[in-house]
């Protein structure tokens, strides 16, 4: 109570204190929050468990054809989940070193897993290695061991005959500088199907002025 400037007595009412009410265990918002946290923990655990099921296996980096040698530089380890152990056994695990001196018994595309059924030794792969000396300008600089190429064999510009085409794999390709310094040409070793070897050599030896050109298959 106090006296105003006009001489009147004014009675003041003190403000009512507001109390903060704490959320009890019956508050549904608390249970919803707990459910969200629990769900996140369960989901995270399942994701981690699924990641642990993946195993590393070897995959080839680039395209390789029949007879191509496969070494450590040609593969990369990738993690894959398999449905069962039988499916996993079809491929080479990256936990183990890559077997030495292996070649492909069939073509494998870049990024594909390396199956056990697609590897063999050079003696058993079923192709014949044929060396060919070529002018450096007739070989793309990107051609290397493992490249799949088309070999065009023509008889020169004046023959008018259509060139013969052979689809083969390069199994060895010395560096341009090394090969050219010795012979003035670049040598490639080609893996050719035994059924095509006779025709291939006959085309090279039977033309007076054979022209051989390498075209890399994309």
Protein backbone atom coordinates (compact mmCIF):
# COMPACT_ATOMS: atom_id res chain seq x y z
CA UNK A 1 0.00 0.00 0.00
CA UNK A 2 1.22 3.51 -0.84
CA UNK A 3 -0.08 7.13 -1.12
CA UNK A 4 -0.33 8.59 -4.64
CA UNK A 5 0.51 12.15 -5.59
CA UNK A 6 -3.25 12.96 -5.50
CA UNK A 7 -3.49 11.96 -1.85
CA UNK A 8 -5.34 8.70 -2.55
CA UNK A 9 -4.34 5.47 -0.97
CA UNK A 10 -3.56 2.76 -3.56
CA UNK A 11 -3.30 -0.90 -2.63
CA UNK A 12 -0.87 -2.86 -4.87
CA UNK A 13 -1.19 -6.60 -5.44
CA UNK A 14 2.12 -8.50 -5.50
CA UNK A 15 2.73 -10.55 -8.75
CA UNK A 16 2.05 -14.25 -8.63
CA UNK A 17 5.23 -16.34 -8.98
CA UNK A 18 5.24 -18.79 -11.95
CA UNK A 19 6.62 -22.20 -11.12
CA UNK A 20 8.40 -24.31 -13.75
CA UNK A 21 6.79 -27.68 -14.08
CA UNK A 22 9.22 -30.52 -14.68
CA UNK A 23 8.32 -33.17 -17.27
CA UNK A 24 7.34 -36.36 -15.52
CA UNK A 25 7.75 -39.96 -16.67
CA UNK A 26 4.21 -39.83 -17.98
CA UNK A 27 5.01 -37.06 -20.44
CA UNK A 28 4.65 -38.64 -23.95
CA UNK A 29 7.33 -36.32 -25.37
CA UNK A 30 9.93 -37.99 -23.16
CA UNK A 31 9.02 -41.47 -24.40
CA UNK A 32 9.03 -40.35 -28.03
CA UNK A 33 12.54 -38.93 -27.59
CA UNK A 34 13.74 -42.18 -26.02
CA UNK A 35 12.28 -44.21 -28.88
CA UNK A 36 14.05 -42.02 -31.46
CA UNK A 37 17.40 -42.43 -29.70
CA UNK A 38 16.94 -46.20 -29.35
CA UNK A 39 15.97 -46.54 -33.02
CA UNK A 40 19.06 -44.63 -34.11
CA UNK A 41 21.30 -46.91 -32.02
CA UNK A 42 19.73 -50.07 -33.48
CA UNK A 43 19.98 -48.77 -37.05
CA UNK A 44 23.63 -47.82 -36.58
CA UNK A 45 24.43 -51.24 -35.15
CA UNK A 46 22.79 -52.97 -38.12
CA UNK A 47 24.72 -50.84 -40.60
CA UNK A 48 27.99 -51.66 -38.87
CA UNK A 49 27.13 -55.35 -38.84
CA UNK A 50 26.33 -55.25 -42.56
CA UNK A 51 29.64 -53.53 -43.30
CA UNK A 52 31.49 -56.23 -41.37
CA UNK A 53 29.91 -58.89 -43.62
CA UNK A 54 31.72 -57.48 -46.68
CA UNK A 55 34.96 -59.21 -47.62
CA UNK A 56 37.80 -57.97 -49.89
CA UNK A 57 38.23 -59.68 -53.26
CA UNK A 58 40.36 -58.88 -56.32
CA UNK A 59 38.88 -56.97 -59.28
CA UNK A 60 40.64 -56.09 -62.53
CA UNK A 61 41.36 -52.41 -63.18
CA UNK A 62 41.08 -52.36 -67.00
CA UNK A 63 39.77 -54.56 -69.80
CA UNK A 64 41.88 -57.66 -70.45
CA UNK A 65 41.50 -60.29 -73.14
CA UNK A 66 42.26 -63.98 -73.41
CA UNK A 67 45.91 -64.76 -72.65
CA UNK A 68 46.57 -61.45 -70.89
CA UNK A 69 48.93 -61.77 -67.90
CA UNK A 70 47.51 -60.55 -64.61
CA UNK A 71 49.80 -59.08 -61.96
CA UNK A 72 49.56 -56.93 -58.86
CA UNK A 73 49.32 -53.72 -60.93
CA UNK A 74 46.31 -55.07 -62.84
CA UNK A 75 44.01 -55.62 -59.87
CA UNK A 76 42.53 -53.69 -56.96
CA UNK A 77 40.90 -54.90 -53.75
CA UNK A 78 37.17 -54.19 -53.40
CA UNK A 79 34.82 -55.10 -50.54
CA UNK A 80 31.78 -57.15 -51.51
CA UNK A 81 28.96 -58.85 -49.60
CA UNK A 82 28.21 -62.38 -50.82
CA UNK A 83 25.04 -64.35 -50.25
CA UNK A 84 26.92 -67.45 -49.10
CA UNK A 85 30.37 -69.04 -48.89
CA UNK A 86 29.85 -70.90 -52.18
CA UNK A 87 29.50 -67.58 -54.01
CA UNK A 88 32.59 -66.19 -52.27
CA UNK A 89 34.65 -69.24 -53.29
CA UNK A 90 34.17 -68.35 -56.96
CA UNK A 91 36.50 -65.35 -56.61
CA UNK A 92 40.04 -64.66 -55.41
CA UNK A 93 40.13 -63.13 -51.90
CA UNK A 94 42.27 -60.02 -51.58
CA UNK A 95 43.44 -61.18 -48.16
CA UNK A 96 45.75 -63.59 -50.01
CA UNK A 97 48.50 -62.55 -52.45
CA UNK A 98 47.63 -62.80 -56.13
CA UNK A 99 48.96 -66.09 -57.60
CA UNK A 100 52.13 -65.66 -59.65
CA UNK A 101 52.38 -66.14 -63.43
CA UNK A 102 48.67 -66.28 -64.16
CA UNK A 103 46.90 -65.35 -67.40
CA UNK A 104 43.26 -65.02 -68.36
CA UNK A 105 41.49 -67.93 -70.01
CA UNK A 106 38.68 -65.55 -71.06
CA UNK A 107 38.20 -61.82 -71.38
CA UNK A 108 37.42 -59.72 -68.29
CA UNK A 109 36.04 -56.17 -68.35
CA UNK A 110 37.44 -53.34 -66.25
CA UNK A 111 35.92 -53.25 -62.78
CA UNK A 112 34.81 -56.91 -62.85
CA UNK A 113 35.69 -59.28 -60.04
CA UNK A 114 38.44 -61.76 -60.89
CA UNK A 115 36.90 -65.26 -60.89
CA UNK A 116 38.95 -68.37 -60.25
CA UNK A 117 37.49 -69.93 -63.39
CA UNK A 118 38.97 -67.17 -65.57
CA UNK A 119 42.63 -67.65 -64.61
CA UNK A 120 45.11 -70.18 -65.90
CA UNK A 121 48.80 -70.58 -66.67
CA UNK A 122 50.34 -69.48 -69.95
CA UNK A 123 50.91 -73.12 -70.92
CA UNK A 124 47.28 -74.09 -70.45
CA UNK A 125 45.41 -71.03 -71.65
CA UNK A 126 45.02 -72.32 -75.21
CA UNK A 127 46.55 -69.47 -77.20
CA UNK A 128 49.77 -69.13 -79.20
CA UNK A 129 52.15 -66.22 -78.59
CA UNK A 130 53.28 -64.58 -81.82
CA UNK A 131 55.81 -61.70 -81.87
CA UNK A 132 55.25 -58.92 -84.39
CA UNK A 133 57.63 -56.03 -85.18
CA UNK A 134 55.73 -52.89 -86.15
CA UNK A 135 56.47 -49.31 -87.04
CA UNK A 136 55.90 -47.22 -83.88
CA UNK A 137 53.50 -44.94 -85.73
CA UNK A 138 51.17 -47.89 -86.38
CA UNK A 139 50.74 -48.74 -82.68
CA UNK A 140 48.74 -46.52 -80.29
CA UNK A 141 50.98 -45.38 -77.41
CA UNK A 142 48.40 -46.63 -74.90
CA UNK A 143 48.76 -50.24 -76.04
CA UNK A 144 50.34 -52.32 -73.28
CA UNK A 145 50.35 -55.87 -71.95
CA UNK A 146 46.75 -56.95 -71.50
CA UNK A 147 45.32 -54.60 -74.13
CA UNK A 148 42.68 -56.03 -76.44
CA UNK A 149 43.40 -54.89 -80.00
CA UNK A 150 42.39 -55.37 -83.61
CA UNK A 151 45.26 -56.21 -85.97
CA UNK A 152 44.72 -55.09 -89.56
CA UNK A 153 46.90 -56.84 -92.12
CA UNK A 154 46.87 -55.29 -95.58
CA UNK A 155 48.95 -55.70 -98.71
CA UNK A 156 49.90 -52.10 -99.37
CA UNK A 157 48.06 -49.22 -100.99
CA UNK A 158 48.13 -50.55 -104.57
CA UNK A 159 46.62 -54.00 -104.03
CA UNK A 160 43.00 -52.90 -103.64
CA UNK A 161 42.33 -55.91 -101.40
CA UNK A 162 40.44 -55.60 -98.15
CA UNK A 163 42.72 -55.96 -95.09
CA UNK A 164 42.31 -58.97 -92.86
CA UNK A 165 41.22 -58.34 -89.27
CA UNK A 166 42.31 -60.31 -86.20
CA UNK A 167 40.93 -59.69 -82.72
CA UNK A 168 43.72 -60.52 -80.25
CA UNK A 169 45.26 -59.74 -76.87
CA UNK A 170 48.68 -58.17 -76.32
CA UNK A 171 50.57 -60.32 -73.79
CA UNK A 172 53.84 -58.37 -73.88
CA UNK A 173 54.71 -54.87 -75.05
CA UNK A 174 58.23 -53.56 -74.33
CA UNK A 175 58.44 -49.78 -73.90
CA UNK A 176 58.65 -47.85 -77.15
CA UNK A 177 62.08 -46.42 -76.32
CA UNK A 178 63.54 -49.80 -75.42
CA UNK A 179 62.18 -51.64 -78.44
CA UNK A 180 62.87 -48.87 -80.97
CA UNK A 181 66.46 -48.39 -79.81
CA UNK A 182 67.29 -52.01 -80.67
CA UNK A 183 65.37 -52.68 -83.89
CA UNK A 184 63.89 -49.37 -85.02
CA UNK A 185 60.44 -50.93 -84.57
CA UNK A 186 58.15 -51.70 -81.69
CA UNK A 187 57.61 -55.35 -80.90
CA UNK A 188 54.33 -56.69 -79.58
CA UNK A 189 53.69 -60.26 -78.50
CA UNK A 190 50.16 -61.26 -79.43
CA UNK A 191 48.06 -64.09 -77.98
CA UNK A 192 46.32 -65.67 -80.98
CA UNK A 193 43.83 -68.49 -81.12
CA UNK A 194 45.54 -71.63 -82.47
CA UNK A 195 42.92 -71.86 -85.22
CA UNK A 196 43.94 -68.39 -86.49
CA UNK A 197 47.73 -68.71 -86.23
CA UNK A 198 48.19 -70.29 -89.67
CA UNK A 199 46.06 -67.66 -91.37
CA UNK A 200 47.73 -64.83 -89.50
CA UNK A 201 51.27 -65.91 -90.39
CA UNK A 202 50.26 -66.65 -93.98
CA UNK A 203 48.91 -63.10 -94.30
CA UNK A 204 52.15 -61.64 -92.97
CA UNK A 205 54.47 -63.84 -95.02
CA UNK A 206 52.35 -64.05 -98.18
CA UNK A 207 52.19 -60.36 -99.00
CA UNK A 208 55.01 -58.60 -100.82
CA UNK A 209 54.64 -55.47 -98.74
CA UNK A 210 52.45 -56.26 -95.71
CA UNK A 211 51.07 -53.32 -93.78
CA UNK A 212 50.13 -54.10 -90.19
CA UNK A 213 48.21 -51.62 -88.10
CA UNK A 214 47.10 -51.97 -84.48
CA UNK A 215 43.73 -50.52 -83.47
CA UNK A 216 42.91 -50.55 -79.77
CA UNK A 217 39.42 -51.75 -78.99
CA UNK A 218 37.61 -49.27 -76.67
